[in-house]
Amino acid sequence: MKCVSRSKNSHRAERTDTGFLRGLSVLKHLTLEISYGSA
């Protein structure tokens, strides 16, 4: 039981981490586009 719950929690954490990293990459891309456009 413990192993199952642990694996579920780790999977959920990985899922949120990937989503967070994806959001950061998108924000970085947008900021780069804005900076290049203004410059």
N, C-alpha and C. Protein backbone atom coordinates (compact mmCIF):
# COMPACT_ATOMS: atom_id res chain seq x y z
N MET A 1 0.84 -1.20 0.00
CA MET A 1 0.00 0.00 0.00
C MET A 1 0.89 1.26 0.00
N LYS A 2 1.88 1.25 0.88
CA LYS A 2 2.74 2.43 0.97
C LYS A 2 3.45 2.68 -0.37
N CYS A 3 3.96 1.59 -0.95
CA CYS A 3 4.68 1.74 -2.22
C CYS A 3 3.77 2.33 -3.30
N VAL A 4 2.53 1.84 -3.35
CA VAL A 4 1.59 2.30 -4.36
C VAL A 4 1.32 3.79 -4.19
N SER A 5 1.03 4.21 -2.94
CA SER A 5 0.73 5.63 -2.69
C SER A 5 1.96 6.48 -3.00
N ARG A 6 3.14 5.95 -2.65
CA ARG A 6 4.36 6.71 -2.90
C ARG A 6 4.56 6.92 -4.40
N SER A 7 4.37 5.85 -5.18
CA SER A 7 4.55 5.96 -6.63
C SER A 7 3.55 6.97 -7.20
N LYS A 8 2.31 6.94 -6.69
CA LYS A 8 1.30 7.88 -7.18
C LYS A 8 1.74 9.31 -6.88
N ASN A 9 2.23 9.54 -5.66
CA ASN A 9 2.65 10.89 -5.28
C ASN A 9 3.83 11.35 -6.14
N SER A 10 4.80 10.47 -6.36
CA SER A 10 5.96 10.84 -7.17
C SER A 10 5.52 11.16 -8.60
N HIS A 11 4.58 10.35 -9.12
CA HIS A 11 4.10 10.59 -10.48
C HIS A 11 3.42 11.95 -10.55
N ARG A 12 2.63 12.27 -9.55
CA ARG A 12 1.92 13.55 -9.52
C ARG A 12 2.95 14.69 -9.46
N ALA A 13 3.99 14.53 -8.65
CA ALA A 13 5.02 15.56 -8.52
C ALA A 13 5.72 15.77 -9.87
N GLU A 14 6.07 14.66 -10.53
CA GLU A 14 6.73 14.78 -11.84
C GLU A 14 5.83 15.51 -12.82
N ARG A 15 4.54 15.20 -12.78
CA ARG A 15 3.58 15.82 -13.69
C ARG A 15 3.57 17.33 -13.48
N THR A 16 3.50 17.78 -12.22
CA THR A 16 3.47 19.21 -11.92
C THR A 16 4.80 19.85 -12.31
N ASP A 17 5.91 19.14 -12.06
CA ASP A 17 7.22 19.69 -12.42
C ASP A 17 7.32 19.94 -13.91
N THR A 18 6.89 18.96 -14.73
CA THR A 18 6.97 19.14 -16.18
C THR A 18 6.10 20.30 -16.62
N GLY A 19 4.91 20.42 -16.05
CA GLY A 19 4.02 21.52 -16.40
C GLY A 19 4.65 22.85 -16.01
N PHE A 20 5.28 22.90 -14.84
CA PHE A 20 5.92 24.13 -14.37
C PHE A 20 7.07 24.51 -15.30
N LEU A 21 7.89 23.54 -15.66
CA LEU A 21 9.02 23.82 -16.55
C LEU A 21 8.52 24.28 -17.91
N ARG A 22 7.46 23.66 -18.40
CA ARG A 22 6.89 24.04 -19.70
C ARG A 22 6.42 25.50 -19.64
N GLY A 23 5.74 25.86 -18.54
CA GLY A 23 5.27 27.24 -18.38
C GLY A 23 6.45 28.21 -18.34
N LEU A 24 7.52 27.83 -17.65
CA LEU A 24 8.69 28.70 -17.57
C LEU A 24 9.30 28.90 -18.95
N SER A 25 9.42 27.84 -19.72
CA SER A 25 10.00 27.95 -21.07
C SER A 25 9.15 28.86 -21.94
N VAL A 26 7.83 28.75 -21.82
CA VAL A 26 6.94 29.61 -22.60
C VAL A 26 7.11 31.06 -22.19
N LEU A 27 7.19 31.31 -20.88
CA LEU A 27 7.37 32.68 -20.40
C LEU A 27 8.70 33.24 -20.91
N LYS A 28 9.75 32.43 -20.86
CA LYS A 28 11.06 32.88 -21.32
C LYS A 28 11.01 33.23 -22.80
N HIS A 29 10.33 32.39 -23.59
CA HIS A 29 10.20 32.63 -25.02
C HIS A 29 9.47 33.95 -25.27
N LEU A 30 8.38 34.18 -24.53
CA LEU A 30 7.60 35.41 -24.71
C LEU A 30 8.44 36.62 -24.34
N THR A 31 9.16 36.56 -23.23
CA THR A 31 9.98 37.70 -22.81
C THR A 31 11.07 37.97 -23.85
N LEU A 32 11.66 36.92 -24.41
CA LEU A 32 12.69 37.11 -25.44
C LEU A 32 12.09 37.78 -26.67
N GLU A 33 10.90 37.34 -27.07
CA GLU A 33 10.25 37.93 -28.24
C GLU A 33 9.96 39.40 -27.99
N ILE A 34 9.46 39.73 -26.81
CA ILE A 34 9.14 41.12 -26.47
C ILE A 34 10.42 41.96 -26.47
N SER A 35 11.48 41.47 -25.85
CA SER A 35 12.73 42.23 -25.77
C SER A 35 13.30 42.46 -27.18
N TYR A 36 13.27 41.43 -28.04
CA TYR A 36 13.78 41.58 -29.40
C TYR A 36 12.90 42.54 -30.20
N GLY A 37 11.59 42.45 -30.00
CA GLY A 37 10.68 43.31 -30.74
C GLY A 37 10.87 44.77 -30.36
N SER A 38 11.03 45.04 -29.05
CA SER A 38 11.19 46.43 -28.60
C SER A 38 12.56 46.95 -29.02
N ALA A 39 13.57 46.07 -29.05
CA ALA A 39 14.93 46.49 -29.40
C ALA A 39 15.12 46.49 -30.91
